[in-house]
Structures are given as structure tokens and as C-alpha cells.
N, C-alpha and C. Protein backbone atom coordinates (compact mmCIF):
# COMPACT_ATOMS: atom_id res chain seq x y z
N MET A 1 -13.24 4.74 -21.32
CA MET A 1 -13.50 5.84 -20.37
C MET A 1 -13.79 6.71 -21.07
N SER A 2 -14.84 7.06 -20.58
CA SER A 2 -15.08 8.36 -21.40
C SER A 2 -14.51 9.44 -21.08
N ASN A 3 -13.87 10.62 -20.82
CA ASN A 3 -13.24 11.70 -20.37
C ASN A 3 -14.32 12.07 -18.94
N PRO A 4 -13.63 12.10 -17.60
CA PRO A 4 -14.36 12.26 -16.39
C PRO A 4 -14.52 13.58 -16.44
N ASP A 5 -15.39 13.76 -15.15
CA ASP A 5 -15.33 15.26 -14.85
C ASP A 5 -14.25 15.83 -13.79
N PRO A 6 -13.93 16.79 -14.13
CA PRO A 6 -12.49 17.55 -13.07
C PRO A 6 -13.02 17.26 -11.61
N ALA A 7 -14.18 17.32 -11.42
CA ALA A 7 -14.49 17.20 -9.63
C ALA A 7 -14.34 15.67 -9.23
N SER A 8 -14.35 14.97 -10.25
CA SER A 8 -14.00 13.29 -9.90
C SER A 8 -12.37 13.34 -10.06
N ILE A 9 -11.65 13.50 -10.66
CA ILE A 9 -10.37 13.74 -11.42
C ILE A 9 -9.97 14.39 -9.50
N ALA A 10 -10.67 15.84 -9.26
CA ALA A 10 -9.99 16.06 -8.03
C ALA A 10 -10.23 15.92 -6.71
N THR A 11 -11.60 14.66 -6.50
CA THR A 11 -11.66 14.19 -5.17
C THR A 11 -11.07 12.53 -5.31
N LEU A 12 -10.38 12.05 -6.88
CA LEU A 12 -9.44 11.16 -6.74
C LEU A 12 -8.20 11.46 -5.98
N ARG A 13 -7.74 12.65 -6.87
CA ARG A 13 -6.70 13.06 -6.19
C ARG A 13 -6.25 13.36 -5.07
N ALA A 14 -7.36 13.85 -3.79
CA ALA A 14 -7.57 14.37 -2.64
C ALA A 14 -7.63 13.16 -1.98
N HIS A 15 -8.05 11.86 -1.97
CA HIS A 15 -8.21 10.51 -1.50
C HIS A 15 -6.57 10.13 -2.03
N ILE A 16 -5.90 9.96 -2.84
CA ILE A 16 -4.71 9.40 -2.97
C ILE A 16 -3.66 10.17 -2.30
N THR A 17 -3.97 11.27 -1.95
CA THR A 17 -3.21 12.68 -1.55
C THR A 17 -2.91 12.37 0.35
N LYS A 18 -4.19 11.83 0.51
CA LYS A 18 -4.58 11.42 1.88
C LYS A 18 -3.70 10.48 2.27
N HIS A 19 -4.20 9.75 1.72
CA HIS A 19 -3.62 8.24 2.05
C HIS A 19 -2.44 8.31 1.93
N LEU A 20 -1.54 9.16 0.95
CA LEU A 20 -0.27 8.83 0.90
C LEU A 20 0.27 9.38 2.58
N ASP A 21 -0.15 10.20 2.86
CA ASP A 21 0.14 10.99 3.73
C ASP A 21 0.00 9.98 5.17
N LEU A 22 -1.16 9.32 5.06
CA LEU A 22 -1.22 8.17 5.99
C LEU A 22 -0.49 7.49 6.07
N LEU A 23 0.18 6.73 4.83
CA LEU A 23 1.22 5.75 4.44
C LEU A 23 2.06 6.20 5.17
N ASP A 24 2.99 7.53 4.88
CA ASP A 24 4.26 8.06 5.60
C ASP A 24 4.09 7.93 6.80
N GLN A 25 2.66 8.36 7.66
CA GLN A 25 2.66 8.21 8.89
C GLN A 25 3.36 6.51 9.56
N SER A 26 2.06 6.10 8.92
CA SER A 26 2.09 4.16 9.01
C SER A 26 3.34 3.80 9.19
N GLN A 27 4.68 4.19 8.31
CA GLN A 27 5.63 3.92 7.79
C GLN A 27 6.71 4.33 8.94
N GLN A 28 6.54 5.24 9.21
CA GLN A 28 7.55 6.19 10.46
C GLN A 28 6.77 5.50 12.10
N GLU A 29 5.75 4.52 11.81
CA GLU A 29 5.37 4.45 13.44
C GLU A 29 6.09 3.20 13.19
N ILE A 30 6.23 2.67 12.14
CA ILE A 30 6.98 1.25 12.06
C ILE A 30 8.39 1.60 12.20
N VAL A 31 9.32 3.04 11.98
CA VAL A 31 10.41 3.05 12.02
C VAL A 31 10.42 3.33 13.97
N ASP A 32 9.86 4.56 14.43
CA ASP A 32 9.51 4.85 15.88
C ASP A 32 9.38 3.37 16.23
N ALA A 33 8.87 2.34 16.08
CA ALA A 33 8.57 0.96 16.64
C ALA A 33 9.63 0.53 16.81
N ILE A 34 10.09 -0.01 15.84
CA ILE A 34 11.44 -0.87 16.07
C ILE A 34 12.27 0.16 16.66
N SER A 35 13.06 1.70 16.81
CA SER A 35 13.62 1.85 17.24
C SER A 35 13.55 2.90 18.83
N GLU A 36 12.66 2.73 19.03
CA GLU A 36 12.16 3.16 20.37
C GLU A 36 11.51 1.92 21.21
N ASP A 37 10.29 1.46 20.44
CA ASP A 37 9.52 0.38 21.58
C ASP A 37 10.22 -0.89 21.80
N ILE A 38 10.81 -1.05 20.67
CA ILE A 38 10.84 -2.81 20.93
C ILE A 38 12.55 -2.73 21.81
N PRO A 39 13.56 -1.96 21.74
CA PRO A 39 14.33 -1.63 22.75
C PRO A 39 14.39 -1.94 24.56
N ILE A 40 12.98 -1.23 24.29
CA ILE A 40 12.52 -1.27 25.80
C ILE A 40 11.52 -2.18 25.95
N LEU A 41 10.91 -2.89 25.43
CA LEU A 41 9.85 -3.95 25.15
C LEU A 41 10.58 -5.28 24.79
N GLY A 42 11.46 -5.29 24.35
CA GLY A 42 12.23 -6.76 23.70
C GLY A 42 11.59 -7.22 22.74
N LYS A 43 12.08 -8.25 21.92
CA LYS A 43 11.30 -9.17 20.92
C LYS A 43 10.36 -10.26 21.46
N THR A 44 9.30 -9.48 22.26
CA THR A 44 8.03 -10.44 23.16
C THR A 44 6.87 -10.34 22.08
N PRO A 45 6.37 -11.60 22.37
CA PRO A 45 4.77 -11.85 21.80
C PRO A 45 4.18 -10.53 21.47
N ARG A 46 3.81 -9.98 22.74
CA ARG A 46 3.07 -8.44 22.97
C ARG A 46 3.76 -7.33 21.64
N ALA A 47 4.94 -7.51 22.01
CA ALA A 47 5.59 -6.58 20.95
C ALA A 47 5.31 -6.92 19.74
N ALA A 48 6.17 -8.18 19.29
CA ALA A 48 5.33 -8.72 17.96
C ALA A 48 4.50 -8.35 17.03
N VAL A 49 3.08 -8.24 18.39
CA VAL A 49 1.86 -8.07 17.73
C VAL A 49 1.72 -6.55 17.30
N LEU A 50 2.16 -5.49 18.09
CA LEU A 50 2.54 -4.20 18.07
C LEU A 50 2.65 -4.17 16.29
N VAL A 51 4.25 -4.27 16.40
CA VAL A 51 4.81 -4.36 14.60
C VAL A 51 4.01 -4.85 13.89
N ALA A 52 3.56 -6.55 14.16
CA ALA A 52 2.37 -6.99 13.02
C ALA A 52 1.10 -5.83 13.11
N GLY A 53 0.75 -5.56 13.98
CA GLY A 53 0.03 -4.31 13.09
C GLY A 53 -0.03 -3.43 12.60
N LEU A 54 1.48 -2.53 13.65
CA LEU A 54 1.77 -1.30 12.34
C LEU A 54 1.97 -2.06 10.64
N LEU A 55 2.18 -3.38 10.16
CA LEU A 55 3.05 -3.43 9.43
C LEU A 55 0.93 -3.65 8.14
N GLU A 56 0.32 -4.43 9.30
CA GLU A 56 -1.20 -4.68 8.24
C GLU A 56 -1.55 -3.33 7.88
N ASN A 57 -1.57 -2.42 8.99
CA ASN A 57 -1.91 -1.03 8.73
C ASN A 57 -1.53 0.08 7.51
N TYR A 58 -0.16 -0.48 7.22
CA TYR A 58 0.78 -0.09 6.52
C TYR A 58 0.77 -0.45 4.66
N TYR A 59 -0.28 -2.04 4.97
CA TYR A 59 -0.33 -2.38 3.79
C TYR A 59 -2.08 -2.23 3.24
N THR A 60 -2.58 -2.48 4.13
CA THR A 60 -3.97 -1.38 4.23
C THR A 60 -4.26 -0.17 3.36
N CYS A 61 -3.31 0.66 4.23
CA CYS A 61 -3.44 2.04 3.71
C CYS A 61 -3.16 2.29 1.85
N ALA A 62 -2.23 1.32 1.79
CA ALA A 62 -1.44 1.36 0.26
C ALA A 62 -2.04 0.52 -0.70
N GLU A 63 -3.27 -0.17 0.15
CA GLU A 63 -3.71 -0.92 -1.23
C GLU A 63 -5.58 0.27 -1.45
N THR A 64 -5.90 0.58 -0.10
CA THR A 64 -7.35 1.42 0.02
C THR A 64 -6.35 2.66 -1.09
N ILE A 65 -5.11 2.81 -1.89
CA ILE A 65 -4.73 4.07 -2.88
C ILE A 65 -5.29 2.87 -4.11
N PHE A 66 -5.09 1.65 -4.00
CA PHE A 66 -5.00 1.01 -5.69
C PHE A 66 -6.94 1.20 -5.31
N VAL A 67 -7.17 0.64 -4.66
CA VAL A 67 -8.77 0.48 -4.70
C VAL A 67 -9.68 1.47 -5.23
N ARG A 68 -9.43 2.75 -4.79
CA ARG A 68 -9.85 4.21 -5.37
C ARG A 68 -9.41 4.29 -6.80
N ILE A 69 -7.93 4.15 -7.20
CA ILE A 69 -7.50 4.13 -8.37
C ILE A 69 -8.31 3.59 -9.34
N SER A 70 -8.43 1.91 -8.92
CA SER A 70 -9.11 0.97 -9.80
C SER A 70 -10.01 1.20 -10.03
N GLN A 71 -11.25 1.72 -9.12
CA GLN A 71 -12.72 2.12 -9.06
C GLN A 71 -13.07 2.72 -9.83
N PHE A 72 -12.21 3.93 -10.17
CA PHE A 72 -11.96 5.24 -10.90
C PHE A 72 -11.95 4.62 -12.43
N PHE A 73 -11.08 4.31 -12.48
CA PHE A 73 -10.66 3.86 -14.07
C PHE A 73 -10.84 2.49 -14.67
N GLU A 74 -10.80 1.26 -13.76
CA GLU A 74 -11.50 -0.16 -14.33
C GLU A 74 -13.02 -0.45 -13.72
N ASN A 75 -13.24 -0.15 -12.71
CA ASN A 75 -14.50 -0.41 -11.74
C ASN A 75 -14.80 -2.34 -12.21
N ASN A 76 -13.84 -2.47 -11.94
CA ASN A 76 -14.27 -4.12 -11.81
C ASN A 76 -12.92 -4.89 -11.30
N LEU A 77 -13.33 -5.97 -10.36
CA LEU A 77 -12.18 -6.09 -9.69
C LEU A 77 -13.07 -7.72 -9.25
N ASP A 78 -12.48 -8.96 -9.45
CA ASP A 78 -12.81 -10.10 -9.28
C ASP A 78 -12.88 -10.47 -7.94
N THR A 79 -13.95 -11.29 -7.22
CA THR A 79 -14.30 -11.14 -5.86
C THR A 79 -13.50 -12.00 -5.28
N GLY A 80 -12.80 -13.35 -6.31
CA GLY A 80 -11.98 -14.53 -5.83
C GLY A 80 -10.82 -13.79 -5.00
N ARG A 81 -9.95 -13.56 -6.27
CA ARG A 81 -8.98 -13.05 -6.01
C ARG A 81 -8.26 -11.97 -5.82
N TRP A 82 -9.06 -10.81 -5.60
CA TRP A 82 -9.03 -9.32 -6.05
C TRP A 82 -7.93 -8.71 -5.43
N HIS A 83 -7.26 -8.99 -4.28
CA HIS A 83 -6.03 -8.20 -3.44
C HIS A 83 -4.82 -8.50 -4.23
N LYS A 84 -4.90 -9.98 -4.74
CA LYS A 84 -4.01 -10.26 -5.61
C LYS A 84 -3.57 -9.63 -7.02
N ASP A 85 -4.85 -9.79 -7.51
CA ASP A 85 -5.50 -8.75 -8.88
C ASP A 85 -5.48 -7.59 -8.86
N LEU A 86 -5.55 -7.27 -7.34
CA LEU A 86 -5.28 -5.63 -7.56
C LEU A 86 -3.91 -5.02 -7.83
N LEU A 87 -2.78 -5.75 -7.39
CA LEU A 87 -1.69 -5.26 -7.45
C LEU A 87 -1.35 -5.68 -8.41
N GLU A 88 -1.91 -6.82 -9.44
CA GLU A 88 -1.03 -6.95 -10.93
C GLU A 88 -1.35 -6.00 -11.75
N ARG A 89 -2.53 -5.64 -11.42
CA ARG A 89 -3.10 -4.12 -12.30
C ARG A 89 -2.53 -3.00 -11.84
N MET A 90 -2.32 -2.66 -10.52
CA MET A 90 -1.85 -1.49 -10.69
C MET A 90 0.05 -1.59 -11.72
N THR A 91 0.05 -2.68 -11.77
CA THR A 91 1.47 -3.01 -12.56
C THR A 91 0.87 -2.31 -14.12
N LEU A 92 -0.05 -2.51 -14.70
CA LEU A 92 -0.16 -2.34 -16.24
C LEU A 92 -0.62 -0.67 -16.46
N LYS A 93 0.19 -0.68 -17.45
CA LYS A 93 -0.28 0.80 -18.48
C LYS A 93 -1.55 0.24 -19.29
N ILE A 94 -2.68 0.87 -18.90
CA ILE A 94 -3.60 0.59 -19.86
C ILE A 94 -4.11 1.99 -20.70
N GLU A 95 -3.94 1.57 -21.74
CA GLU A 95 -3.74 2.65 -22.95
C GLU A 95 -4.85 2.24 -22.80
N PRO A 96 -5.50 3.32 -23.58
CA PRO A 96 -5.41 4.73 -23.37
C PRO A 96 -5.92 5.67 -21.88
N VAL A 97 -6.78 4.32 -21.11
CA VAL A 97 -6.94 4.86 -19.74
C VAL A 97 -6.21 5.52 -18.87
N ARG A 98 -5.09 4.99 -18.79
CA ARG A 98 -4.36 5.50 -17.65
C ARG A 98 -2.87 4.81 -17.47
N PRO A 99 -1.91 5.42 -16.89
CA PRO A 99 -0.34 4.69 -17.07
C PRO A 99 -0.41 3.82 -15.92
N GLN A 100 0.63 2.76 -15.85
CA GLN A 100 1.59 2.27 -14.60
C GLN A 100 0.99 3.08 -13.22
N VAL A 101 0.97 2.36 -12.43
CA VAL A 101 0.96 3.20 -11.17
C VAL A 101 2.06 2.83 -10.27
N ILE A 102 2.16 1.22 -10.11
CA ILE A 102 3.39 1.16 -9.68
C ILE A 102 4.33 -0.03 -10.46
N SER A 103 5.88 0.15 -10.20
CA SER A 103 6.74 -0.90 -10.75
C SER A 103 6.60 -2.47 -10.24
N GLN A 104 7.07 -3.12 -11.56
CA GLN A 104 7.16 -4.38 -11.06
C GLN A 104 8.09 -4.79 -9.79
N PRO A 105 8.83 -3.97 -9.47
CA PRO A 105 9.92 -4.35 -8.06
C PRO A 105 9.12 -4.03 -6.73
N VAL A 106 8.56 -3.10 -6.96
CA VAL A 106 7.31 -2.20 -5.93
C VAL A 106 6.13 -3.30 -5.12
N LYS A 107 5.63 -3.90 -6.47
CA LYS A 107 4.40 -4.97 -6.95
C LYS A 107 5.12 -6.41 -5.75
N GLU A 108 6.46 -6.35 -5.82
CA GLU A 108 6.77 -7.97 -5.50
C GLU A 108 7.17 -7.67 -4.12
N ASP A 109 7.63 -6.49 -3.40
CA ASP A 109 7.77 -6.14 -1.94
C ASP A 109 6.08 -6.44 -1.55
N LEU A 110 5.35 -5.44 -2.26
CA LEU A 110 3.98 -5.54 -1.57
C LEU A 110 3.03 -6.62 -1.46
N VAL A 111 3.49 -7.26 -2.53
CA VAL A 111 2.89 -9.02 -2.46
C VAL A 111 3.26 -9.19 -1.12
N GLU A 112 4.56 -9.47 -0.50
CA GLU A 112 4.86 -9.90 0.60
C GLU A 112 4.10 -9.24 1.73
N LEU A 113 3.96 -8.48 1.92
CA LEU A 113 2.98 -7.56 3.15
C LEU A 113 1.73 -7.92 2.90
N MET A 114 1.54 -8.46 1.68
CA MET A 114 -0.36 -8.37 1.57
C MET A 114 -0.13 -10.21 2.19
N ARG A 115 0.46 -10.70 1.79
CA ARG A 115 0.90 -12.28 2.29
C ARG A 115 0.76 -11.95 3.65
N PHE A 116 1.78 -11.49 4.43
CA PHE A 116 1.78 -11.49 6.08
C PHE A 116 0.14 -10.52 6.57
N ARG A 117 -0.15 -9.88 5.89
CA ARG A 117 -1.60 -8.89 6.44
C ARG A 117 -2.72 -10.19 6.31
N HIS A 118 -3.01 -11.47 5.16
CA HIS A 118 -3.64 -11.97 5.20
C HIS A 118 -3.75 -12.93 6.21
N PHE A 119 -1.99 -13.49 6.44
CA PHE A 119 -1.73 -14.26 7.62
C PHE A 119 -1.90 -13.90 9.42
N ARG A 120 -1.95 -12.41 9.37
CA ARG A 120 -2.42 -11.63 10.79
C ARG A 120 -4.04 -11.97 10.76
N ARG A 121 -4.24 -11.67 9.37
CA ARG A 121 -6.62 -11.99 9.55
C ARG A 121 -7.06 -12.91 9.91
N TYR A 122 -6.28 -14.33 9.82
CA TYR A 122 -7.49 -15.17 9.73
C TYR A 122 -6.57 -16.44 10.75
N TYR A 123 -5.12 -15.78 11.51
CA TYR A 123 -4.33 -17.15 11.77
C TYR A 123 -3.98 -16.53 13.39
N PHE A 124 -5.20 -16.25 13.95
CA PHE A 124 -5.09 -15.46 15.31
C PHE A 124 -4.09 -16.00 16.35
N GLY A 125 -4.46 -17.67 16.46
CA GLY A 125 -3.62 -18.39 17.17
C GLY A 125 -2.04 -17.95 17.05
N ALA A 126 -1.48 -18.06 15.74
CA ALA A 126 -0.43 -18.09 15.48
C ALA A 126 0.99 -17.32 16.13
N ALA A 127 2.08 -17.47 16.79
CA ALA A 127 2.70 -16.99 17.35
C ALA A 127 3.61 -16.01 15.95
N TYR A 128 4.02 -14.95 16.26
CA TYR A 128 4.72 -14.02 15.27
C TYR A 128 6.15 -14.90 15.45
N ASP A 129 6.95 -14.94 14.48
CA ASP A 129 8.55 -15.07 14.30
C ASP A 129 8.77 -13.88 13.94
N TRP A 130 9.98 -13.99 15.08
CA TRP A 130 10.74 -12.47 14.78
C TRP A 130 11.66 -12.22 13.32
N GLU A 131 12.10 -13.26 13.21
CA GLU A 131 13.10 -12.99 11.97
C GLU A 131 12.18 -12.60 10.90
N ARG A 132 10.95 -13.24 10.71
CA ARG A 132 9.86 -13.18 9.59
C ARG A 132 9.44 -11.59 9.75
N LEU A 133 9.20 -11.19 11.36
CA LEU A 133 8.27 -9.74 11.20
C LEU A 133 9.35 -8.49 11.18
N ASP A 134 10.82 -8.90 11.52
CA ASP A 134 12.30 -7.57 10.55
C ASP A 134 12.49 -7.87 9.41
N ALA A 135 12.46 -9.20 8.47
CA ALA A 135 12.06 -9.24 7.27
C ALA A 135 11.44 -8.27 6.37
N LEU A 136 10.16 -8.40 7.14
CA LEU A 136 9.05 -7.76 6.36
C LEU A 136 9.20 -6.12 6.66
N VAL A 137 9.92 -5.49 8.06
CA VAL A 137 10.19 -4.39 8.44
C VAL A 137 11.17 -3.91 7.25
N THR A 138 12.12 -4.94 7.14
CA THR A 138 13.34 -4.51 6.22
C THR A 138 12.39 -4.37 4.45
N ARG A 139 11.61 -4.90 4.41
CA ARG A 139 11.11 -4.94 2.65
C ARG A 139 10.38 -3.79 3.08
N CYS A 140 9.39 -3.06 4.05
CA CYS A 140 8.79 -2.19 4.01
C CYS A 140 9.48 -1.15 4.18
N ASN A 141 10.49 -1.24 5.01
CA ASN A 141 11.12 0.56 5.04
C ASN A 141 11.91 0.52 3.45
N ARG A 142 12.21 -0.63 2.78
CA ARG A 142 12.75 -0.53 1.32
C ARG A 142 11.91 -0.06 0.19
N VAL A 143 11.28 -0.45 0.49
CA VAL A 143 10.00 -0.21 -0.47
C VAL A 143 9.43 1.18 -0.48
N HIS A 144 9.31 1.70 0.59
CA HIS A 144 8.69 2.63 1.30
C HIS A 144 8.85 4.06 -0.15
N PRO A 145 10.27 4.41 -0.12
CA PRO A 145 10.39 5.66 -0.91
C PRO A 145 10.02 5.48 -2.61
N THR A 146 9.71 4.02 -3.33
CA THR A 146 9.76 4.15 -3.90
C THR A 146 8.39 3.99 -4.72
N LEU A 147 7.64 3.26 -3.35
CA LEU A 147 6.32 3.50 -3.33
C LEU A 147 5.54 4.38 -3.82
N LEU A 148 6.29 5.93 -3.00
CA LEU A 148 5.68 7.53 -2.86
C LEU A 148 6.06 7.66 -4.06
N ALA A 149 6.83 7.05 -4.48
CA ALA A 149 7.25 8.19 -5.99
C ALA A 149 6.32 7.38 -6.84
N ASP A 150 6.35 6.25 -6.87
CA ASP A 150 5.58 5.77 -8.05
C ASP A 150 4.03 6.25 -8.18
N VAL A 151 3.48 6.26 -6.70
CA VAL A 151 2.23 6.49 -6.58
C VAL A 151 1.88 8.74 -7.10
N ARG A 152 3.07 9.40 -6.65
CA ARG A 152 3.41 10.41 -7.04
C ARG A 152 3.45 11.15 -8.26
N GLY A 153 4.69 10.04 -9.12
CA GLY A 153 4.41 10.22 -10.05
C GLY A 153 2.96 9.94 -11.18
N PHE A 154 1.76 8.99 -10.43
CA PHE A 154 0.68 9.11 -11.09
C PHE A 154 -0.56 10.09 -10.44
N LEU A 155 -0.15 10.56 -9.28
CA LEU A 155 -1.05 12.24 -9.44
C LEU A 155 -0.26 13.23 -9.99
N GLY A 156 0.57 13.45 -10.74
CA GLY A 156 1.40 14.03 -11.67
C GLY A 156 0.08 13.92 -13.30
N PHE A 157 0.04 12.06 -13.87
CA PHE A 157 -0.74 11.90 -14.19
C PHE A 157 -2.24 12.48 -14.15
N LEU A 158 -3.09 12.85 -13.40
CA LEU A 158 -4.01 13.36 -12.80
C LEU A 158 -4.30 14.94 -12.98
N ASN A 159 -3.17 15.18 -12.55
CA ASN A 159 -3.21 17.30 -12.87
C ASN A 159 -3.19 16.68 -14.27
N THR A 160 -2.30 16.70 -15.34
CA THR A 160 -2.74 16.32 -16.34
C THR A 160 -3.90 16.18 -16.80
N LEU A 161 -4.48 15.38 -16.66
CA LEU A 161 -5.84 15.36 -16.74
C LEU A 161 -6.64 16.43 -16.41
N LEU A 162 -6.47 16.73 -15.10
CA LEU A 162 -7.28 18.27 -14.89
C LEU A 162 -7.07 19.92 -15.47
N GLU A 163 -5.50 19.32 -16.20
CA GLU A 163 -5.43 20.53 -17.19
C GLU A 163 -6.08 20.86 -18.48
N GLU A 164 -6.55 19.42 -18.52
CA GLU A 164 -7.25 19.01 -20.56
C GLU A 164 -8.00 19.99 -20.81
């Protein structure tokens, strides 16, 4: 990749920053739903739809960050398995183009959230298993701080590009 112009780098940085804020809000909505709404609603099918939707939103927001990065630096995703390939690509350090975006443990947690999102989008009639939802919420809460730290580290790389 040739040297990108500062405006393009700044635009990418702005998109990532915006989506990190949205990711934080999304994770907080999950926490609030579990601590405030579910005790009132109970673990009903409707409450499961609420939690499932919040988990789907969380992963989609994270994936949007990765798509922006991939479009900027690599600009080629296989159309067949691009969701999984995108996560794998974010764990790669692509010399001399860009550093690794996320660690392998973050990727492993996100793969589970990605699989769930796929299930939610394509299996409309299936009832949600609260044990599975609880495990996904735990996984989301666990990965969130590390995911934020990883992506903020990548923002540091973008800042160094702007300083050059």
C-alpha cells in the first residue's frame, strides 16, 4: 500500500472512534438488560429475543470496525466466508502495511458471537436457550474490555501514521 493521505487516515480513525463509542453503549445495554430488565421480565421467550438482539447488535458493531479497517488496508474479502475470514485477518500483523488489530483470544470470543448472530439471522422459528444466552452474555462481558484495548492500540498506530 502506498502512503495513504492524512484525510483518509483521519476518516478511518473517526469511523473507528465512533463505533468504539457505539460498542461501549451496546455492551452497556446488555449489562442493563441483564441487571434491570430480565429480573422484571423473567427469562421468558420475549426477554430472550431482547437479549439476543442486543448480542447481535454488539457483534455487528465490532464487525463494522473490522470491515472499515480491512477496506482501508487490504480491500479484498472473499465473498463466501468473509465474516470468518475478516476475524482471522484482524489477528494478522501485515508487514509493512498494518499491525495486528485484535489478539487471538479476542478473536475466539468474537467467533462465538458471530456464530450466534448467524443463528439469530437465519433461524427465525428457533427458541433461544437461556443457558446459551447467559454464556454469550458472559463471553461478551469478558471480551469487551480487551477488545476495546486492542482496537484503541490500533488507533495509536493510525495516530503515528498521521504524525509521519
